[in-house]
PDB file of N, CA and C in Angstrom:
ATOM      1  N   MET A   1      13.090  24.986  25.015  1.00  0.00           N
ATOM      2  CA  MET A   1      12.611  23.550  24.491  1.00  0.00           C
ATOM      3  C   MET A   1      11.594  22.623  23.961  1.00  0.00           C
ATOM      4  N   LEU A   2      11.537  21.976  23.018  1.00  0.00           N
ATOM      5  CA  LEU A   2      10.331  21.351  22.740  1.00  0.00           C
ATOM      6  C   LEU A   2      10.234  20.611  24.149  1.00  0.00           C
ATOM      7  N   SER A   3       8.397  20.386  24.282  1.00  0.00           N
ATOM      8  CA  SER A   3       8.171  19.309  25.089  1.00  0.00           C
ATOM      9  C   SER A   3       7.763  18.097  24.449  1.00  0.00           C
ATOM     10  N   ILE A   4       7.546  18.051  23.169  1.00  0.00           N
ATOM     11  CA  ILE A   4       7.097  17.213  22.758  1.00  0.00           C
ATOM     12  C   ILE A   4       7.819  16.159  22.307  1.00  0.00           C
ATOM     13  N   ASP A   5       7.993  14.264  22.502  1.00  0.00           N
ATOM     14  CA  ASP A   5       8.720  13.735  21.934  1.00  0.00           C
ATOM     15  C   ASP A   5       8.572  13.170  20.884  1.00  0.00           C
ATOM     16  N   TRP A   6       9.450  13.511  19.761  1.00  0.00           N
ATOM     17  CA  TRP A   6       8.917  13.688  18.533  1.00  0.00           C
ATOM     18  C   TRP A   6       8.834  11.860  18.110  1.00  0.00           C
ATOM     19  N   ARG A   7       9.498  11.196  19.352  1.00  0.00           N
ATOM     20  CA  ARG A   7       9.693   9.866  18.782  1.00  0.00           C
ATOM     21  C   ARG A   7       8.140   8.912  19.102  1.00  0.00           C
ATOM     22  N   LEU A   8       7.472   9.274  19.708  1.00  0.00           N
ATOM     23  CA  LEU A   8       5.974   9.176  19.990  1.00  0.00           C
ATOM     24  C   LEU A   8       5.125   9.254  18.913  1.00  0.00           C
ATOM     25  N   PRO A   9       4.350   8.274  18.418  1.00  0.00           N
ATOM     26  CA  PRO A   9       3.043   8.571  17.561  1.00  0.00           C
ATOM     27  C   PRO A   9       1.646   9.667  17.992  1.00  0.00           C
ATOM     28  N   ALA A  10       1.666   9.470  19.036  1.00  0.00           N
ATOM     29  CA  ALA A  10       0.652  10.498  20.099  1.00  0.00           C
ATOM     30  C   ALA A  10       1.064  11.679  19.662  1.00  0.00           C
ATOM     31  N   ALA A  11       1.976  12.096  19.717  1.00  0.00           N
ATOM     32  CA  ALA A  11       2.810  13.665  19.469  1.00  0.00           C
ATOM     33  C   ALA A  11       2.283  13.802  18.319  1.00  0.00           C
ATOM     34  N   TYR A  12       1.999  13.265  17.116  1.00  0.00           N
ATOM     35  CA  TYR A  12       1.386  13.952  16.092  1.00  0.00           C
ATOM     36  C   TYR A  12      -0.100  13.534  15.938  1.00  0.00           C
ATOM     37  N   ARG A  13      -0.858  12.831  16.629  1.00  0.00           N
ATOM     38  CA  ARG A  13      -2.560  13.032  16.676  1.00  0.00           C
ATOM     39  C   ARG A  13      -2.776  13.936  15.577  1.00  0.00           C
ATOM     40  N   HIS A  14      -2.772  14.698  16.348  1.00  0.00           N
ATOM     41  CA  HIS A  14      -3.176  16.399  15.834  1.00  0.00           C
ATOM     42  C   HIS A  14      -3.042  16.369  14.162  1.00  0.00           C
ATOM     43  N   ALA A  15      -1.769  15.703  13.812  1.00  0.00           N
ATOM     44  CA  ALA A  15      -1.559  16.080  12.383  1.00  0.00           C
ATOM     45  C   ALA A  15      -2.514  15.801  11.693  1.00  0.00           C
ATOM     46  N   LYS A  16      -3.343  14.667  12.169  1.00  0.00           N
ATOM     47  CA  LYS A  16      -4.422  14.009  11.001  1.00  0.00           C
ATOM     48  C   LYS A  16      -5.652  14.929  10.706  1.00  0.00           C
ATOM     49  N   GLN A  17      -5.329  15.915  10.938  1.00  0.00           N
ATOM     50  CA  GLN A  17      -6.995  16.927  11.507  1.00  0.00           C
ATOM     51  C   GLN A  17      -6.301  18.030  10.628  1.00  0.00           C
ATOM     52  N   ILE A  18      -4.833  18.401  10.255  1.00  0.00           N
ATOM     53  CA  ILE A  18      -4.836  19.781   9.451  1.00  0.00           C
ATOM     54  C   ILE A  18      -4.637  19.085   7.991  1.00  0.00           C
ATOM     55  N   PRO A  19      -5.453  19.874   7.195  1.00  0.00           N
ATOM     56  CA  PRO A  19      -5.525  19.854   5.847  1.00  0.00           C
ATOM     57  C   PRO A  19      -4.221  20.004   5.114  1.00  0.00           C
ATOM     58  N   ALA A  20      -4.161  19.589   4.228  1.00  0.00           N
ATOM     59  CA  ALA A  20      -2.607  19.471   3.472  1.00  0.00           C
ATOM     60  C   ALA A  20      -1.991  20.852   3.030  1.00  0.00           C
ATOM     61  N   ALA A  21      -2.825  22.049   2.426  1.00  0.00           N
ATOM     62  CA  ALA A  21      -2.289  22.906   2.827  1.00  0.00           C
ATOM     63  C   ALA A  21      -1.511  23.463   3.951  1.00  0.00           C
ATOM     64  N   GLY A  22      -2.886  23.212   5.044  1.00  0.00           N
ATOM     65  CA  GLY A  22      -1.773  23.715   6.385  1.00  0.00           C
ATOM     66  C   GLY A  22      -0.882  23.290   6.875  1.00  0.00           C
ATOM     67  N   PHE A  23      -0.962  21.263   6.580  1.00  0.00           N
ATOM     68  CA  PHE A  23      -0.006  20.564   6.633  1.00  0.00           C
ATOM     69  C   PHE A  23       1.565  21.340   6.201  1.00  0.00           C
ATOM     70  N   ALA A  24       1.449  21.543   4.735  1.00  0.00           N
ATOM     71  CA  ALA A  24       2.081  22.264   4.084  1.00  0.00           C
ATOM     72  C   ALA A  24       2.914  23.872   4.341  1.00  0.00           C
ATOM     73  N   TRP A  25       1.888  24.344   5.136  1.00  0.00           N
ATOM     74  CA  TRP A  25       2.305  25.389   5.480  1.00  0.00           C
ATOM     75  C   TRP A  25       3.538  25.136   6.762  1.00  0.00           C
ATOM     76  N   GLU A  26       2.807  24.357   7.719  1.00  0.00           N
ATOM     77  CA  GLU A  26       3.619  24.150   8.698  1.00  0.00           C
ATOM     78  C   GLU A  26       5.023  23.882   8.640  1.00  0.00           C
ATOM     79  N   TYR A  27       4.941  22.838   7.539  1.00  0.00           N
ATOM     80  CA  TYR A  27       6.493  22.272   7.274  1.00  0.00           C
ATOM     81  C   TYR A  27       7.184  23.346   6.654  1.00  0.00           C
ATOM     82  N   LEU A  28       6.699  24.188   5.425  1.00  0.00           N
ATOM     83  CA  LEU A  28       7.496  25.869   4.828  1.00  0.00           C
ATOM     84  C   LEU A  28       7.609  26.488   5.780  1.00  0.00           C
ATOM     85  N   ARG A  29       6.992  26.955   6.866  1.00  0.00           N
ATOM     86  CA  ARG A  29       7.754  28.471   8.048  1.00  0.00           C
ATOM     87  C   ARG A  29       8.795  28.088   8.781  1.00  0.00           C
ATOM     88  N   ARG A  30       9.099  26.521   8.891  1.00  0.00           N
ATOM     89  CA  ARG A  30      10.027  26.259   9.796  1.00  0.00           C
ATOM     90  C   ARG A  30      11.559  25.900   8.814  1.00  0.00           C
ATOM     91  N   ASN A  31      11.122  26.280   7.725  1.00  0.00           N
ATOM     92  CA  ASN A  31      12.665  25.993   6.797  1.00  0.00           C
ATOM     93  C   ASN A  31      12.818  27.710   6.747  1.00  0.00           C
ATOM     94  N   ASP A  32      14.394  27.178   7.364  1.00  0.00           N
ATOM     95  CA  ASP A  32      15.274  28.336   7.315  1.00  0.00           C
ATOM     96  C   ASP A  32      15.368  29.083   6.182  1.00  0.00           C
ATOM     97  N   ASP A  33      15.585  28.438   4.987  1.00  0.00           N
ATOM     98  CA  ASP A  33      15.942  29.318   4.023  1.00  0.00           C
ATOM     99  C   ASP A  33      14.495  29.938   3.616  1.00  0.00           C
ATOM    100  N   TYR A  34      13.735  29.369   3.624  1.00  0.00           N
ATOM    101  CA  TYR A  34      12.078  30.661   3.236  1.00  0.00           C
ATOM    102  C   TYR A  34      11.954  31.523   4.289  1.00  0.00           C
ATOM    103  N   ARG A  35      12.121  31.480   5.422  1.00  0.00           N
ATOM    104  CA  ARG A  35      12.019  32.443   6.371  1.00  0.00           C
ATOM    105  C   ARG A  35      13.048  33.798   5.823  1.00  0.00           C
ATOM    106  N   GLN A  36      14.549  33.287   5.887  1.00  0.00           N
ATOM    107  CA  GLN A  36      15.361  33.953   5.292  1.00  0.00           C
ATOM    108  C   GLN A  36      14.750  35.166   4.206  1.00  0.00           C
ATOM    109  N   ASP A  37      14.174  34.320   2.908  1.00  0.00           N
ATOM    110  CA  ASP A  37      13.721  34.423   1.965  1.00  0.00           C
ATOM    111  C   ASP A  37      12.506  35.585   2.627  1.00  0.00           C
ATOM    112  N   PHE A  38      11.734  35.524   3.528  1.00  0.00           N
ATOM    113  CA  PHE A  38      10.612  35.975   3.699  1.00  0.00           C
ATOM    114  C   PHE A  38      11.147  37.156   4.190  1.00  0.00           C
ATOM    115  N   GLU A  39      12.165  37.433   5.441  1.00  0.00           N
ATOM    116  CA  GLU A  39      12.350  38.539   5.779  1.00  0.00           C
ATOM    117  C   GLU A  39      13.007  39.343   4.659  1.00  0.00           C
ATOM    118  N   THR A  40      13.873  38.995   4.265  1.00  0.00           N
ATOM    119  CA  THR A  40      14.143  39.746   2.726  1.00  0.00           C
ATOM    120  C   THR A  40      13.003  40.483   2.348  1.00  0.00           C
ATOM    121  N   ILE A  41      12.047  40.140   1.966  1.00  0.00           N
ATOM    122  CA  ILE A  41      10.876  40.532   0.886  1.00  0.00           C
ATOM    123  C   ILE A  41      10.386  41.630   1.793  1.00  0.00           C
ATOM    124  N   ALA A  42       9.993  41.200   3.253  1.00  0.00           N
ATOM    125  CA  ALA A  42       9.263  41.941   3.946  1.00  0.00           C
ATOM    126  C   ALA A  42       9.837  42.844   4.438  1.00  0.00           C
ATOM    127  N   ARG A  43      11.330  43.021   4.799  1.00  0.00           N
ATOM    128  CA  ARG A  43      12.230  44.558   4.526  1.00  0.00           C
ATOM    129  C   ARG A  43      12.399  45.692   4.041  1.00  0.00           C
ATOM    130  N   THR A  44      11.765  44.604   2.538  1.00  0.00           N
ATOM    131  CA  THR A  44      11.533  46.015   1.100  1.00  0.00           C
ATOM    132  C   THR A  44      10.586  47.212   1.588  1.00  0.00           C
ATOM    133  N   GLY A  45       9.724  46.532   2.196  1.00  0.00           N
ATOM    134  CA  GLY A  45       8.319  47.338   2.447  1.00  0.00           C
ATOM    135  C   GLY A  45       7.458  47.354   1.182  1.00  0.00           C
ATOM    136  N   GLU A  46       7.806  47.757  -0.046  1.00  0.00           N
ATOM    137  CA  GLU A  46       6.797  47.349  -1.114  1.00  0.00           C
ATOM    138  C   GLU A  46       7.749  46.858  -2.160  1.00  0.00           C
ATOM    139  N   PRO A  47       7.393  45.786  -1.864  1.00  0.00           N
ATOM    140  CA  PRO A  47       8.205  44.601  -2.915  1.00  0.00           C
ATOM    141  C   PRO A  47       7.196  44.580  -4.284  1.00  0.00           C
ATOM    142  N   THR A  48       8.343  44.311  -5.475  1.00  0.00           N
ATOM    143  CA  THR A  48       7.621  44.567  -6.681  1.00  0.00           C
ATOM    144  C   THR A  48       6.821  43.197  -6.920  1.00  0.00           C
ATOM    145  N   GLY A  49       6.359  43.482  -7.687  1.00  0.00           N
ATOM    146  CA  GLY A  49       5.881  42.194  -8.384  1.00  0.00           C
ATOM    147  C   GLY A  49       6.328  41.166  -9.102  1.00  0.00           C
ATOM    148  N   SER A  50       7.617  41.693  -9.500  1.00  0.00           N
ATOM    149  CA  SER A  50       8.664  40.450  -9.937  1.00  0.00           C
ATOM    150  C   SER A  50       9.192  39.981  -8.909  1.00  0.00           C
ATOM    151  N   ASP A  51       9.401  40.569  -7.928  1.00  0.00           N
ATOM    152  CA  ASP A  51       9.882  40.454  -6.669  1.00  0.00           C
ATOM    153  C   ASP A  51       9.277  38.904  -5.940  1.00  0.00           C
ATOM    154  N   LEU A  52       7.757  39.134  -5.888  1.00  0.00           N
ATOM    155  CA  LEU A  52       7.080  38.278  -5.842  1.00  0.00           C
ATOM    156  C   LEU A  52       6.577  37.329  -5.884  1.00  0.00           C
ATOM    157  N   GLU A  53       6.887  37.107  -7.335  1.00  0.00           N
ATOM    158  CA  GLU A  53       6.642  36.183  -8.236  1.00  0.00           C
ATOM    159  C   GLU A  53       8.047  35.103  -8.162  1.00  0.00           C
ATOM    160  N   MET A  54       9.113  35.946  -8.134  1.00  0.00           N
ATOM    161  CA  MET A  54      10.152  34.893  -8.335  1.00  0.00           C
ATOM    162  C   MET A  54      10.200  34.264  -6.677  1.00  0.00           C
ATOM    163  N   PHE A  55       9.548  35.108  -5.798  1.00  0.00           N
ATOM    164  CA  PHE A  55       9.482  34.180  -4.213  1.00  0.00           C
ATOM    165  C   PHE A  55       8.630  33.213  -4.341  1.00  0.00           C
ATOM    166  N   ALA A  56       7.516  33.229  -4.973  1.00  0.00           N
ATOM    167  CA  ALA A  56       6.443  32.634  -4.748  1.00  0.00           C
ATOM    168  C   ALA A  56       6.498  31.350  -5.980  1.00  0.00           C
ATOM    169  N   HIS A  57       7.392  31.428  -6.959  1.00  0.00           N
ATOM    170  CA  HIS A  57       7.563  30.384  -7.887  1.00  0.00           C
ATOM    171  C   HIS A  57       9.066  29.616  -7.298  1.00  0.00           C
ATOM    172  N   ARG A  58      10.151  30.227  -6.042  1.00  0.00           N
ATOM    173  CA  ARG A  58      10.744  29.608  -5.491  1.00  0.00           C
ATOM    174  C   ARG A  58      10.553  28.250  -4.583  1.00  0.00           C
ATOM    175  N   TRP A  59       9.231  28.889  -4.164  1.00  0.00           N
ATOM    176  CA  TRP A  59       8.508  28.221  -2.814  1.00  0.00           C
ATOM    177  C   TRP A  59       7.225  27.888  -3.113  1.00  0.00           C
ATOM    178  N   GLY A  60       7.302  27.682  -4.538  1.00  0.00           N
ATOM    179  CA  GLY A  60       6.153  27.087  -4.941  1.00  0.00           C
ATOM    180  C   GLY A  60       4.894  27.425  -4.425  1.00  0.00           C
ATOM    181  N   LEU A  61       4.546  28.795  -3.976  1.00  0.00           N
ATOM    182  CA  LEU A  61       3.184  29.163  -3.372  1.00  0.00           C
ATOM    183  C   LEU A  61       2.629  29.771  -4.819  1.00  0.00           C
ATOM    184  N   ARG A  62       0.962  29.397  -4.105  1.00  0.00           N
ATOM    185  CA  ARG A  62       0.129  29.810  -5.176  1.00  0.00           C
ATOM    186  C   ARG A  62      -0.981  31.083  -4.306  1.00  0.00           C
ATOM    187  N   PHE A  63      -1.158  31.943  -4.476  1.00  0.00           N
ATOM    188  CA  PHE A  63      -2.328  32.877  -4.269  1.00  0.00           C
ATOM    189  C   PHE A  63      -3.251  33.167  -5.199  1.00  0.00           C
ATOM    190  N   PRO A  64      -4.368  32.731  -4.512  1.00  0.00           N
ATOM    191  CA  PRO A  64      -6.132  32.886  -5.311  1.00  0.00           C
ATOM    192  C   PRO A  64      -6.378  34.336  -5.328  1.00  0.00           C
ATOM    193  N   VAL A  65      -7.061  34.589  -6.489  1.00  0.00           N
ATOM    194  CA  VAL A  65      -6.884  35.284  -7.082  1.00  0.00           C
ATOM    195  C   VAL A  65      -8.028  36.401  -6.820  1.00  0.00           C
ATOM    196  N   ARG A  66      -8.061  37.146  -6.459  1.00  0.00           N
ATOM    197  CA  ARG A  66      -9.530  38.464  -5.707  1.00  0.00           C
ATOM    198  C   ARG A  66     -10.172  38.896  -6.998  1.00  0.00           C
ATOM    199  N   SER A  67     -11.295  38.990  -7.316  1.00  0.00           N
ATOM    200  CA  SER A  67     -12.201  39.911  -7.878  1.00  0.00           C
ATOM    201  C   SER A  67     -12.053  41.105  -7.326  1.00  0.00           C
ATOM    202  N   ARG A  68     -11.778  42.160  -8.250  1.00  0.00           N
ATOM    203  CA  ARG A  68     -11.287  43.520  -8.450  1.00  0.00           C
ATOM    204  C   ARG A  68     -12.598  44.561  -8.016  1.00  0.00           C
ATOM    205  N   ARG A  69     -14.116  43.907  -8.035  1.00  0.00           N
ATOM    206  CA  ARG A  69     -15.115  43.997  -7.660  1.00  0.00           C
ATOM    207  C   ARG A  69     -15.707  44.267  -6.247  1.00  0.00           C
ATOM    208  N   ALA A  70     -16.008  45.422  -5.597  1.00  0.00           N
ATOM    209  CA  ALA A  70     -16.634  45.883  -4.486  1.00  0.00           C
ATOM    210  C   ALA A  70     -17.366  44.452  -4.028  1.00  0.00           C
ATOM    211  N   ALA A  71     -17.542  44.223  -2.896  1.00  0.00           N
ATOM    212  CA  ALA A  71     -18.401  43.344  -2.121  1.00  0.00           C
ATOM    213  C   ALA A  71     -19.824  44.050  -1.877  1.00  0.00           C
TER     214      ALA A  71
END
């Protein structure tokens, strides 16, 4: 059980320091439907590009494009 009293503003003081993307991630990762979808994708081992695209679209995810050039 959590020891944080959700009714006290002091319990969330740290949230002011989290960037928007980090805050969104904290919210999303607690969503049971997201977690179930993630587990389904993870169990496939090698999800297809269309599987990942549908997953990303459903959850509003964006991934940075990485250069294919060796660093």
